[in-house]
């Protein structure tokens, strides 16, 4: 259901937040697409995911690359 948007756009961030709120792990994986997140973005998304207490969503965010990591 997602549309193609630049991964760092405001629209994409809103879609990521919606996927987390809806606990839609497949949509979240597609939206993140392996793109590195800023540390602040990642921390915010983890905090948002903790509200829903969905371990799959938290795992996806934890496994997302972070800008500045050795793997990015």
N, C-alpha and C. Protein backbone atom coordinates (compact mmCIF):
# COMPACT_ATOMS: atom_id res chain seq x y z
N UNK A 1 0.80 -1.19 0.00
CA UNK A 1 0.00 0.00 0.00
C UNK A 1 0.85 1.26 0.00
N UNK A 2 2.13 1.14 0.29
CA UNK A 2 2.97 2.33 0.34
C UNK A 2 3.27 2.82 -1.06
N UNK A 3 3.50 4.12 -1.14
CA UNK A 3 3.89 4.73 -2.39
C UNK A 3 5.35 5.07 -2.31
N UNK A 4 5.99 5.17 -3.45
CA UNK A 4 7.41 5.49 -3.47
C UNK A 4 7.62 6.95 -3.12
N UNK A 5 8.37 7.18 -2.05
CA UNK A 5 8.74 8.53 -1.65
C UNK A 5 10.21 8.49 -1.26
N UNK A 6 10.91 9.61 -1.38
CA UNK A 6 12.29 9.62 -0.93
C UNK A 6 12.36 9.19 0.53
N UNK A 7 13.34 8.35 0.87
CA UNK A 7 13.39 7.74 2.20
C UNK A 7 13.56 8.75 3.33
N UNK A 8 14.10 9.91 3.05
CA UNK A 8 14.29 10.88 4.12
C UNK A 8 13.27 12.01 4.06
N UNK A 9 12.23 11.84 3.26
CA UNK A 9 11.23 12.90 3.14
C UNK A 9 10.31 12.91 4.36
N UNK A 10 9.66 14.03 4.54
CA UNK A 10 8.69 14.16 5.62
C UNK A 10 7.54 13.18 5.42
N UNK A 11 7.12 13.00 4.17
CA UNK A 11 6.03 12.07 3.88
C UNK A 11 6.42 10.65 4.25
N UNK A 12 7.66 10.26 3.98
CA UNK A 12 8.10 8.92 4.32
C UNK A 12 8.17 8.74 5.83
N UNK A 13 8.63 9.75 6.54
CA UNK A 13 8.71 9.66 8.00
C UNK A 13 7.31 9.52 8.59
N UNK A 14 6.34 10.25 8.03
CA UNK A 14 4.97 10.14 8.50
C UNK A 14 4.42 8.74 8.23
N UNK A 15 4.76 8.18 7.08
CA UNK A 15 4.32 6.83 6.74
C UNK A 15 4.95 5.80 7.67
N UNK A 16 6.23 6.00 8.03
CA UNK A 16 6.91 5.11 8.98
C UNK A 16 6.20 5.17 10.33
N UNK A 17 5.88 6.35 10.79
CA UNK A 17 5.18 6.51 12.06
C UNK A 17 3.82 5.83 12.03
N UNK A 18 3.12 5.96 10.91
CA UNK A 18 1.81 5.31 10.77
C UNK A 18 1.94 3.80 10.79
N UNK A 19 2.95 3.27 10.10
CA UNK A 19 3.17 1.82 10.09
C UNK A 19 3.46 1.32 11.51
N UNK A 20 4.23 2.08 12.27
CA UNK A 20 4.53 1.69 13.65
C UNK A 20 3.25 1.73 14.49
N UNK A 21 2.49 2.80 14.36
CA UNK A 21 1.24 2.94 15.13
C UNK A 21 0.25 1.83 14.78
N UNK A 22 0.22 1.43 13.51
CA UNK A 22 -0.68 0.37 13.07
C UNK A 22 -0.09 -1.03 13.28
N UNK A 23 1.11 -1.08 13.79
CA UNK A 23 1.84 -2.34 14.02
C UNK A 23 1.90 -3.18 12.75
N UNK A 24 2.23 -2.51 11.65
CA UNK A 24 2.33 -3.14 10.33
C UNK A 24 3.80 -3.35 10.01
N UNK A 25 4.33 -4.50 10.42
CA UNK A 25 5.76 -4.76 10.26
C UNK A 25 6.18 -4.88 8.79
N UNK A 26 5.34 -5.44 7.94
CA UNK A 26 5.69 -5.57 6.52
C UNK A 26 5.82 -4.19 5.88
N UNK A 27 4.90 -3.31 6.19
CA UNK A 27 4.95 -1.94 5.65
C UNK A 27 6.18 -1.21 6.18
N UNK A 28 6.47 -1.39 7.46
CA UNK A 28 7.63 -0.74 8.06
C UNK A 28 8.92 -1.19 7.38
N UNK A 29 9.06 -2.48 7.15
CA UNK A 29 10.26 -3.00 6.46
C UNK A 29 10.40 -2.37 5.09
N UNK A 30 9.31 -2.28 4.38
CA UNK A 30 9.33 -1.71 3.03
C UNK A 30 9.70 -0.23 3.08
N UNK A 31 9.14 0.50 4.00
CA UNK A 31 9.41 1.93 4.09
C UNK A 31 10.85 2.23 4.50
N UNK A 32 11.38 1.46 5.44
CA UNK A 32 12.75 1.70 5.88
C UNK A 32 13.74 1.28 4.80
N UNK A 33 13.47 0.17 4.15
CA UNK A 33 14.26 -0.25 3.00
C UNK A 33 15.76 -0.29 3.20
N UNK A 34 16.22 -0.52 4.41
CA UNK A 34 17.66 -0.63 4.65
C UNK A 34 18.39 0.70 4.67
N UNK A 35 17.65 1.79 4.59
CA UNK A 35 18.28 3.11 4.61
C UNK A 35 18.74 3.44 6.03
N UNK A 36 19.92 4.02 6.16
CA UNK A 36 20.39 4.38 7.50
C UNK A 36 19.56 5.51 8.10
N UNK A 37 19.31 5.39 9.38
CA UNK A 37 18.57 6.40 10.14
C UNK A 37 19.53 7.25 10.95
N UNK A 38 19.18 8.52 11.13
CA UNK A 38 19.93 9.35 12.06
C UNK A 38 19.73 8.77 13.46
N UNK A 39 20.71 8.89 14.34
CA UNK A 39 20.53 8.37 15.71
C UNK A 39 19.28 8.92 16.40
N UNK A 40 18.99 10.19 16.21
CA UNK A 40 17.81 10.79 16.83
C UNK A 40 16.52 10.20 16.25
N UNK A 41 16.50 10.00 14.92
CA UNK A 41 15.33 9.37 14.28
C UNK A 41 15.10 7.98 14.84
N UNK A 42 16.17 7.22 14.92
CA UNK A 42 16.07 5.84 15.39
C UNK A 42 15.57 5.79 16.84
N UNK A 43 16.09 6.66 17.68
CA UNK A 43 15.66 6.71 19.08
C UNK A 43 14.18 7.07 19.18
N UNK A 44 13.75 8.03 18.36
CA UNK A 44 12.35 8.44 18.36
C UNK A 44 11.45 7.29 17.91
N UNK A 45 11.83 6.61 16.84
CA UNK A 45 11.02 5.51 16.33
C UNK A 45 10.95 4.36 17.34
N UNK A 46 12.05 4.10 18.02
CA UNK A 46 12.04 3.06 19.06
C UNK A 46 11.10 3.45 20.20
N UNK A 47 11.13 4.70 20.59
CA UNK A 47 10.25 5.16 21.66
C UNK A 47 8.78 5.03 21.24
N UNK A 48 8.50 5.39 20.00
CA UNK A 48 7.14 5.27 19.48
C UNK A 48 6.71 3.80 19.44
N UNK A 49 7.61 2.92 19.03
CA UNK A 49 7.30 1.49 18.94
C UNK A 49 7.08 0.88 20.32
N UNK A 50 7.79 1.37 21.32
CA UNK A 50 7.64 0.84 22.67
C UNK A 50 6.24 1.09 23.22
N UNK A 51 5.59 2.13 22.75
CA UNK A 51 4.22 2.41 23.19
C UNK A 51 3.30 1.27 22.78
N UNK A 52 3.49 0.77 21.55
CA UNK A 52 2.67 -0.32 21.05
C UNK A 52 3.10 -1.68 21.56
N UNK A 53 4.31 -1.76 22.13
CA UNK A 53 4.82 -2.99 22.72
C UNK A 53 4.78 -4.17 21.74
N UNK A 54 5.16 -3.92 20.47
CA UNK A 54 5.20 -4.96 19.46
C UNK A 54 6.66 -5.35 19.24
N UNK A 55 7.03 -6.54 19.64
CA UNK A 55 8.43 -6.96 19.58
C UNK A 55 8.96 -7.03 18.15
N UNK A 56 8.13 -7.36 17.19
CA UNK A 56 8.57 -7.43 15.79
C UNK A 56 8.92 -6.03 15.27
N UNK A 57 8.11 -5.06 15.60
CA UNK A 57 8.37 -3.68 15.19
C UNK A 57 9.67 -3.18 15.83
N UNK A 58 9.84 -3.44 17.12
CA UNK A 58 11.07 -3.03 17.81
C UNK A 58 12.30 -3.69 17.19
N UNK A 59 12.17 -4.94 16.83
CA UNK A 59 13.28 -5.67 16.22
C UNK A 59 13.67 -5.05 14.88
N UNK A 60 12.68 -4.69 14.08
CA UNK A 60 12.95 -4.06 12.78
C UNK A 60 13.71 -2.75 12.97
N UNK A 61 13.27 -1.95 13.92
CA UNK A 61 13.93 -0.67 14.17
C UNK A 61 15.33 -0.89 14.72
N UNK A 62 15.48 -1.82 15.65
CA UNK A 62 16.80 -2.13 16.21
C UNK A 62 17.78 -2.56 15.12
N UNK A 63 17.29 -3.32 14.15
CA UNK A 63 18.14 -3.84 13.08
C UNK A 63 18.38 -2.86 11.95
N UNK A 64 17.66 -1.75 11.95
CA UNK A 64 17.86 -0.74 10.90
C UNK A 64 19.24 -0.11 11.08
N UNK A 65 19.96 0.07 9.98
CA UNK A 65 21.29 0.69 10.09
C UNK A 65 21.16 2.14 10.59
N UNK A 66 22.19 2.56 11.28
CA UNK A 66 22.21 3.92 11.82
C UNK A 66 23.36 4.67 11.19
N UNK A 67 23.13 5.90 10.81
CA UNK A 67 24.20 6.71 10.23
C UNK A 67 25.34 6.80 11.23
N UNK A 68 26.53 6.58 10.72
CA UNK A 68 27.71 6.61 11.58
C UNK A 68 28.15 5.25 12.05
N UNK A 69 27.30 4.21 11.89
CA UNK A 69 27.69 2.85 12.23
C UNK A 69 28.73 2.37 11.22
N UNK A 70 29.50 1.39 11.62
CA UNK A 70 30.51 0.81 10.74
C UNK A 70 29.90 0.18 9.50
N UNK A 71 28.66 -0.32 9.62
CA UNK A 71 28.03 -0.99 8.50
C UNK A 71 27.37 -0.04 7.51
N UNK A 72 27.37 1.28 7.78
CA UNK A 72 26.77 2.25 6.86
C UNK A 72 27.82 3.08 6.18
